[in-house]
Amino acid sequence: MSVPNHHLDLRLSEEEGILILRAPDVGYFTAPLTRGAVVAPGMQAGALQRLEGAAALRIPEGVRGAVISDPSERVLAPVGYGDVLYRVDPASAGEAMQDEGEADDVGAGLVLVSEQSGRVWHRPGPGEDPFCAPGDVLEEGAAVCLIEVMKTFSTVPYRATRGLPARARVVRWLAADGGDVQKGDPILGLEPA
């Protein structure tokens, strides 16, 4: 996937009190948010590969809540204009506001960064459990994710370096599954265990 060169806002509609976020164009949808992800306006919510190039997808104004739909199992899911990409429960808007504050705390707190540029994979393979999830405790050498560079996959281990403790608890993923990262970009938000 090429690096997105601009942003597109997801299209918004509502059905029976649930916010529906739809594809703003035709293409291949990748790096979706997972079920339970808290969203707010301006947040990136995956990418769309199009003939014109890749575009980062953004949560539009007026959307706060938690994703209640499951992501596609496909790394590049074909979508048409207006296809449903996310269903969001706005009843959790208060939680979304609280989590935005937590995201700021994570940004200023413990962060595991990528040692190389490439594509991040949370799981060893499609349909398998992620290497780690929020709430898990990581110790020296524990596998965190995979980084793919030119079809070569490298396991990223947890290392107590750069101010990270010997044991850390995962707070949240900061890099999307299937998303691209540059060297030094954050992968995980952590707290001391």
C-alpha atoms as a PDB file:
ATOM      1  CA  MET A   1       0.000   0.000   0.000  1.00  0.00           C
ATOM      2  CA  SER A   2       1.304   3.425  -0.823  1.00  0.00           C
ATOM      3  CA  VAL A   3       1.374   6.116   1.826  1.00  0.00           C
ATOM      4  CA  PRO A   4      -1.890   8.123   1.779  1.00  0.00           C
ATOM      5  CA  ASN A   5      -1.368  11.496   0.096  1.00  0.00           C
ATOM      6  CA  HIS A   6      -4.581  13.136   1.332  1.00  0.00           C
ATOM      7  CA  HIS A   7      -7.667  12.609   3.511  1.00  0.00           C
ATOM      8  CA  LEU A   8     -11.281  11.805   2.732  1.00  0.00           C
ATOM      9  CA  ASP A   9     -14.088  12.140   5.285  1.00  0.00           C
ATOM     10  CA  LEU A  10     -16.300   9.088   5.654  1.00  0.00           C
ATOM     11  CA  ARG A  11     -19.947   9.654   4.644  1.00  0.00           C
ATOM     12  CA  LEU A  12     -22.340   9.793   7.604  1.00  0.00           C
ATOM     13  CA  SER A  13     -25.905   8.547   7.943  1.00  0.00           C
ATOM     14  CA  GLU A  14     -28.022   7.286  10.826  1.00  0.00           C
ATOM     15  CA  GLU A  15     -30.217   4.207  11.213  1.00  0.00           C
ATOM     16  CA  GLU A  16     -32.228   3.543  14.372  1.00  0.00           C
ATOM     17  CA  GLY A  17     -29.898   5.600  16.570  1.00  0.00           C
ATOM     18  CA  ILE A  18     -26.705   4.032  15.194  1.00  0.00           C
ATOM     19  CA  LEU A  19     -24.254   6.161  13.201  1.00  0.00           C
ATOM     20  CA  ILE A  20     -23.320   4.585   9.866  1.00  0.00           C
ATOM     21  CA  LEU A  21     -19.984   5.528   8.278  1.00  0.00           C
ATOM     22  CA  ARG A  22     -19.811   4.809   4.562  1.00  0.00           C
ATOM     23  CA  ALA A  23     -17.113   4.711   1.874  1.00  0.00           C
ATOM     24  CA  PRO A  24     -16.629   8.116   0.229  1.00  0.00           C
ATOM     25  CA  ASP A  25     -15.293   6.555  -2.981  1.00  0.00           C
ATOM     26  CA  VAL A  26     -14.633   3.256  -4.773  1.00  0.00           C
ATOM     27  CA  GLY A  27     -11.451   1.337  -3.978  1.00  0.00           C
ATOM     28  CA  TYR A  28      -9.825  -1.119  -1.609  1.00  0.00           C
ATOM     29  CA  PHE A  29     -10.387  -0.495   2.115  1.00  0.00           C
ATOM     30  CA  THR A  30      -7.483  -1.357   4.421  1.00  0.00           C
ATOM     31  CA  ALA A  31      -6.264  -0.885   8.031  1.00  0.00           C
ATOM     32  CA  PRO A  32      -9.777  -0.781   9.562  1.00  0.00           C
ATOM     33  CA  LEU A  33     -10.495   0.063  13.183  1.00  0.00           C
ATOM     34  CA  THR A  34     -11.435  -2.894  15.379  1.00  0.00           C
ATOM     35  CA  ARG A  35     -14.724  -3.492  17.201  1.00  0.00           C
ATOM     36  CA  GLY A  36     -14.768  -1.411  20.383  1.00  0.00           C
ATOM     37  CA  ALA A  37     -12.436   1.284  19.034  1.00  0.00           C
ATOM     38  CA  VAL A  38     -13.497   4.700  20.312  1.00  0.00           C
ATOM     39  CA  VAL A  39     -13.838   7.302  17.555  1.00  0.00           C
ATOM     40  CA  ALA A  40     -14.035  11.085  17.468  1.00  0.00           C
ATOM     41  CA  PRO A  41     -14.064  13.736  14.708  1.00  0.00           C
ATOM     42  CA  GLY A  42     -10.844  14.039  12.700  1.00  0.00           C
ATOM     43  CA  MET A  43      -9.506  10.636  13.768  1.00  0.00           C
ATOM     44  CA  GLN A  44      -8.012   8.413  11.060  1.00  0.00           C
ATOM     45  CA  ALA A  45     -10.127   5.305  10.393  1.00  0.00           C
ATOM     46  CA  GLY A  46      -8.218   3.256   7.827  1.00  0.00           C
ATOM     47  CA  ALA A  47      -7.249   3.991   4.254  1.00  0.00           C
ATOM     48  CA  LEU A  48      -8.735   3.648   0.790  1.00  0.00           C
ATOM     49  CA  GLN A  49      -6.582   2.532  -2.148  1.00  0.00           C
ATOM     50  CA  ARG A  50      -7.902   4.191  -5.309  1.00  0.00           C
ATOM     51  CA  LEU A  51      -6.711   4.654  -8.883  1.00  0.00           C
ATOM     52  CA  GLU A  52      -5.642   8.199  -7.962  1.00  0.00           C
ATOM     53  CA  GLY A  53      -3.574   6.880  -5.030  1.00  0.00           C
ATOM     54  CA  ALA A  54      -4.160   6.108  -1.382  1.00  0.00           C
ATOM     55  CA  ALA A  55      -6.301   8.344   0.835  1.00  0.00           C
ATOM     56  CA  ALA A  56      -6.515   8.250   4.623  1.00  0.00           C
ATOM     57  CA  LEU A  57     -10.130   7.975   5.812  1.00  0.00           C
ATOM     58  CA  ARG A  58     -11.216  10.413   8.514  1.00  0.00           C
ATOM     59  CA  ILE A  59     -14.078  10.369  11.019  1.00  0.00           C
ATOM     60  CA  PRO A  60     -16.428  13.277  10.126  1.00  0.00           C
ATOM     61  CA  GLU A  61     -17.740  15.978  12.469  1.00  0.00           C
ATOM     62  CA  GLY A  62     -20.572  14.904  14.747  1.00  0.00           C
ATOM     63  CA  VAL A  63     -19.349  11.338  15.244  1.00  0.00           C
ATOM     64  CA  ARG A  64     -18.390  10.162  18.734  1.00  0.00           C
ATOM     65  CA  GLY A  65     -18.787   6.688  20.154  1.00  0.00           C
ATOM     66  CA  ALA A  66     -17.549   3.120  19.868  1.00  0.00           C
ATOM     67  CA  VAL A  67     -17.320   0.951  16.748  1.00  0.00           C
ATOM     68  CA  ILE A  68     -19.845  -1.902  17.044  1.00  0.00           C
ATOM     69  CA  SER A  69     -19.123  -3.641  13.723  1.00  0.00           C
ATOM     70  CA  ASP A  70     -16.419  -6.206  13.003  1.00  0.00           C
ATOM     71  CA  PRO A  71     -13.631  -5.319  10.555  1.00  0.00           C
ATOM     72  CA  SER A  72     -13.281  -7.169   7.268  1.00  0.00           C
ATOM     73  CA  GLU A  73     -11.104 -10.274   7.364  1.00  0.00           C
ATOM     74  CA  ARG A  74      -9.490  -9.150   4.098  1.00  0.00           C
ATOM     75  CA  VAL A  75      -6.384  -6.974   4.118  1.00  0.00           C
ATOM     76  CA  LEU A  76      -7.656  -5.119   1.033  1.00  0.00           C
ATOM     77  CA  ALA A  77     -11.455  -5.276   1.012  1.00  0.00           C
ATOM     78  CA  PRO A  78     -13.095  -4.015  -2.216  1.00  0.00           C
ATOM     79  CA  VAL A  79     -15.732  -1.341  -1.496  1.00  0.00           C
ATOM     80  CA  GLY A  80     -18.145   0.681  -3.575  1.00  0.00           C
ATOM     81  CA  TYR A  81     -19.264   4.259  -3.078  1.00  0.00           C
ATOM     82  CA  GLY A  82     -21.555   4.351  -0.028  1.00  0.00           C
ATOM     83  CA  ASP A  83     -20.741   0.849   1.253  1.00  0.00           C
ATOM     84  CA  VAL A  84     -20.945   0.595   5.068  1.00  0.00           C
ATOM     85  CA  LEU A  85     -17.481   0.568   6.648  1.00  0.00           C
ATOM     86  CA  TYR A  86     -18.383   1.169  10.321  1.00  0.00           C
ATOM     87  CA  ARG A  87     -21.368   1.165  12.637  1.00  0.00           C
ATOM     88  CA  VAL A  88     -20.844   3.452  15.650  1.00  0.00           C
ATOM     89  CA  ASP A  89     -22.832   3.519  18.882  1.00  0.00           C
ATOM     90  CA  PRO A  90     -23.193   7.202  19.865  1.00  0.00           C
ATOM     91  CA  ALA A  91     -24.490   6.190  23.316  1.00  0.00           C
ATOM     92  CA  SER A  92     -20.828   5.754  24.269  1.00  0.00           C
ATOM     93  CA  ALA A  93     -19.969   9.388  23.385  1.00  0.00           C
ATOM     94  CA  GLY A  94     -19.083  10.147  27.018  1.00  0.00           C
ATOM     95  CA  GLU A  95     -16.642   7.248  26.951  1.00  0.00           C
ATOM     96  CA  ALA A  96     -15.202   8.619  23.704  1.00  0.00           C
ATOM     97  CA  MET A  97     -14.501  11.976  25.333  1.00  0.00           C
ATOM     98  CA  GLN A  98     -12.878  10.255  28.321  1.00  0.00           C
ATOM     99  CA  ASP A  99     -10.754   8.094  26.020  1.00  0.00           C
ATOM    100  CA  GLU A 100      -9.583  11.155  24.067  1.00  0.00           C
ATOM    101  CA  GLY A 101      -8.049  12.390  27.324  1.00  0.00           C
ATOM    102  CA  GLU A 102      -6.493   8.965  27.835  1.00  0.00           C
ATOM    103  CA  ALA A 103      -5.020   9.119  24.338  1.00  0.00           C
ATOM    104  CA  ASP A 104      -3.321  12.385  25.282  1.00  0.00           C
ATOM    105  CA  ASP A 105      -1.979  10.697  28.429  1.00  0.00           C
ATOM    106  CA  VAL A 106      -0.638   7.803  26.345  1.00  0.00           C
ATOM    107  CA  GLY A 107       1.032  10.252  23.978  1.00  0.00           C
ATOM    108  CA  ALA A 108       2.890  11.760  26.943  1.00  0.00           C
ATOM    109  CA  GLY A 109       3.416   8.386  28.674  1.00  0.00           C
ATOM    110  CA  LEU A 110       5.105   5.116  27.761  1.00  0.00           C
ATOM    111  CA  VAL A 111       5.160   4.321  24.061  1.00  0.00           C
ATOM    112  CA  LEU A 112       6.740   1.435  22.169  1.00  0.00           C
ATOM    113  CA  VAL A 113       8.037   2.791  18.858  1.00  0.00           C
ATOM    114  CA  SER A 114       8.870   1.038  15.611  1.00  0.00           C
ATOM    115  CA  GLU A 115      12.555   0.373  14.990  1.00  0.00           C
ATOM    116  CA  GLN A 116      11.984   0.297  11.219  1.00  0.00           C
ATOM    117  CA  SER A 117       9.579   1.447   8.533  1.00  0.00           C
ATOM    118  CA  GLY A 118       7.059  -1.022   7.129  1.00  0.00           C
ATOM    119  CA  ARG A 119       3.560  -2.414   7.566  1.00  0.00           C
ATOM    120  CA  VAL A 120       2.386  -3.439  11.057  1.00  0.00           C
ATOM    121  CA  TRP A 121       0.489  -6.678  11.611  1.00  0.00           C
ATOM    122  CA  HIS A 122      -1.101  -7.326  15.020  1.00  0.00           C
ATOM    123  CA  ARG A 123      -1.483 -11.093  14.371  1.00  0.00           C
ATOM    124  CA  PRO A 124       0.765 -13.876  13.128  1.00  0.00           C
ATOM    125  CA  GLY A 125      -1.791 -14.703  10.412  1.00  0.00           C
ATOM    126  CA  PRO A 126      -5.374 -14.004   9.251  1.00  0.00           C
ATOM    127  CA  GLY A 127      -7.976 -15.274  11.716  1.00  0.00           C
ATOM    128  CA  GLU A 128      -5.401 -15.803  14.473  1.00  0.00           C
ATOM    129  CA  ASP A 129      -5.358 -14.072  17.851  1.00  0.00           C
ATOM    130  CA  PRO A 130      -3.270 -10.888  18.123  1.00  0.00           C
ATOM    131  CA  PHE A 131       0.172 -11.103  19.692  1.00  0.00           C
ATOM    132  CA  CYS A 132      -1.040  -8.777  22.454  1.00  0.00           C
ATOM    133  CA  ALA A 133      -4.161  -6.827  23.372  1.00  0.00           C
ATOM    134  CA  PRO A 134      -5.083  -4.021  25.774  1.00  0.00           C
ATOM    135  CA  GLY A 135      -4.689  -5.287  29.335  1.00  0.00           C
ATOM    136  CA  ASP A 136      -1.949  -7.810  28.509  1.00  0.00           C
ATOM    137  CA  VAL A 137       1.329  -7.573  30.428  1.00  0.00           C
ATOM    138  CA  LEU A 138       4.481  -7.621  28.316  1.00  0.00           C
ATOM    139  CA  GLU A 139       7.843  -8.860  29.554  1.00  0.00           C
ATOM    140  CA  GLU A 140      11.282  -8.815  27.950  1.00  0.00           C
ATOM    141  CA  GLY A 141      11.257 -10.702  24.628  1.00  0.00           C
ATOM    142  CA  ALA A 142       7.462 -11.071  24.298  1.00  0.00           C
ATOM    143  CA  ALA A 143       6.270 -10.835  20.666  1.00  0.00           C
ATOM    144  CA  VAL A 144       4.306  -7.613  20.085  1.00  0.00           C
ATOM    145  CA  CYS A 145       3.585  -7.597  16.337  1.00  0.00           C
ATOM    146  CA  LEU A 146       5.076  -8.195  12.896  1.00  0.00           C
ATOM    147  CA  ILE A 147       6.620  -5.578  10.625  1.00  0.00           C
ATOM    148  CA  GLU A 148       6.476  -6.370   6.909  1.00  0.00           C
ATOM    149  CA  VAL A 149       9.044  -4.914   4.545  1.00  0.00           C
ATOM    150  CA  MET A 150       8.978  -6.105   0.902  1.00  0.00           C
ATOM    151  CA  LYS A 151       7.159  -9.363   1.794  1.00  0.00           C
ATOM    152  CA  THR A 152       9.647 -10.112   4.595  1.00  0.00           C
ATOM    153  CA  PHE A 153       8.138 -10.347   8.083  1.00  0.00           C
ATOM    154  CA  SER A 154      10.088  -9.517  11.249  1.00  0.00           C
ATOM    155  CA  THR A 155       8.784 -10.169  14.748  1.00  0.00           C
ATOM    156  CA  VAL A 156       8.928  -7.110  16.991  1.00  0.00           C
ATOM    157  CA  PRO A 157       9.825  -8.129  20.553  1.00  0.00           C
ATOM    158  CA  TYR A 158       9.176  -6.075  23.675  1.00  0.00           C
ATOM    159  CA  ARG A 159      12.442  -4.652  25.020  1.00  0.00           C
ATOM    160  CA  ALA A 160      12.867  -2.674  28.237  1.00  0.00           C
ATOM    161  CA  THR A 161      14.815   0.109  26.509  1.00  0.00           C
ATOM    162  CA  ARG A 162      14.287   3.846  25.969  1.00  0.00           C
ATOM    163  CA  GLY A 163      12.735   4.270  29.407  1.00  0.00           C
ATOM    164  CA  LEU A 164      10.347   1.300  29.168  1.00  0.00           C
ATOM    165  CA  PRO A 165      10.008  -0.840  32.340  1.00  0.00           C
ATOM    166  CA  ALA A 166      10.858  -4.554  32.584  1.00  0.00           C
ATOM    167  CA  ARG A 167       7.099  -5.268  32.663  1.00  0.00           C
ATOM    168  CA  ALA A 168       4.482  -3.098  30.955  1.00  0.00           C
ATOM    169  CA  ARG A 169       0.722  -3.340  30.461  1.00  0.00           C
ATOM    170  CA  VAL A 170      -0.741  -2.634  27.008  1.00  0.00           C
ATOM    171  CA  VAL A 171      -3.109   0.368  27.129  1.00  0.00           C
ATOM    172  CA  ARG A 172      -3.968   0.572  23.420  1.00  0.00           C
ATOM    173  CA  TRP A 173      -2.751  -0.012  19.887  1.00  0.00           C
ATOM    174  CA  LEU A 174      -1.460   3.211  18.327  1.00  0.00           C
ATOM    175  CA  ALA A 175      -0.672   1.647  14.920  1.00  0.00           C
ATOM    176  CA  ALA A 176      -3.526   0.129  12.902  1.00  0.00           C
ATOM    177  CA  ASP A 177      -3.430  -3.541  11.917  1.00  0.00           C
ATOM    178  CA  GLY A 178      -2.177  -3.482   8.315  1.00  0.00           C
ATOM    179  CA  GLY A 179      -1.182   0.175   8.648  1.00  0.00           C
ATOM    180  CA  ASP A 180       2.124   1.662   7.545  1.00  0.00           C
ATOM    181  CA  VAL A 181       4.623   3.057  10.060  1.00  0.00           C
ATOM    182  CA  GLN A 182       7.883   4.941   9.740  1.00  0.00           C
ATOM    183  CA  LYS A 183      10.895   4.323  11.965  1.00  0.00           C
ATOM    184  CA  GLY A 184      10.167   5.984  15.310  1.00  0.00           C
ATOM    185  CA  ASP A 185       6.348   5.956  14.915  1.00  0.00           C
ATOM    186  CA  PRO A 186       4.378   4.748  17.974  1.00  0.00           C
ATOM    187  CA  ILE A 187       3.042   1.179  17.910  1.00  0.00           C
ATOM    188  CA  LEU A 188       1.686   0.641  21.437  1.00  0.00           C
ATOM    189  CA  GLY A 189       0.648   2.849  24.340  1.00  0.00           C
ATOM    190  CA  LEU A 190       1.838   1.271  27.598  1.00  0.00           C
ATOM    191  CA  GLU A 191       1.788   1.740  31.366  1.00  0.00           C
ATOM    192  CA  PRO A 192       3.978   0.169  34.069  1.00  0.00           C
ATOM    193  CA  ALA A 193       2.677  -3.257  35.148  1.00  0.00           C
END
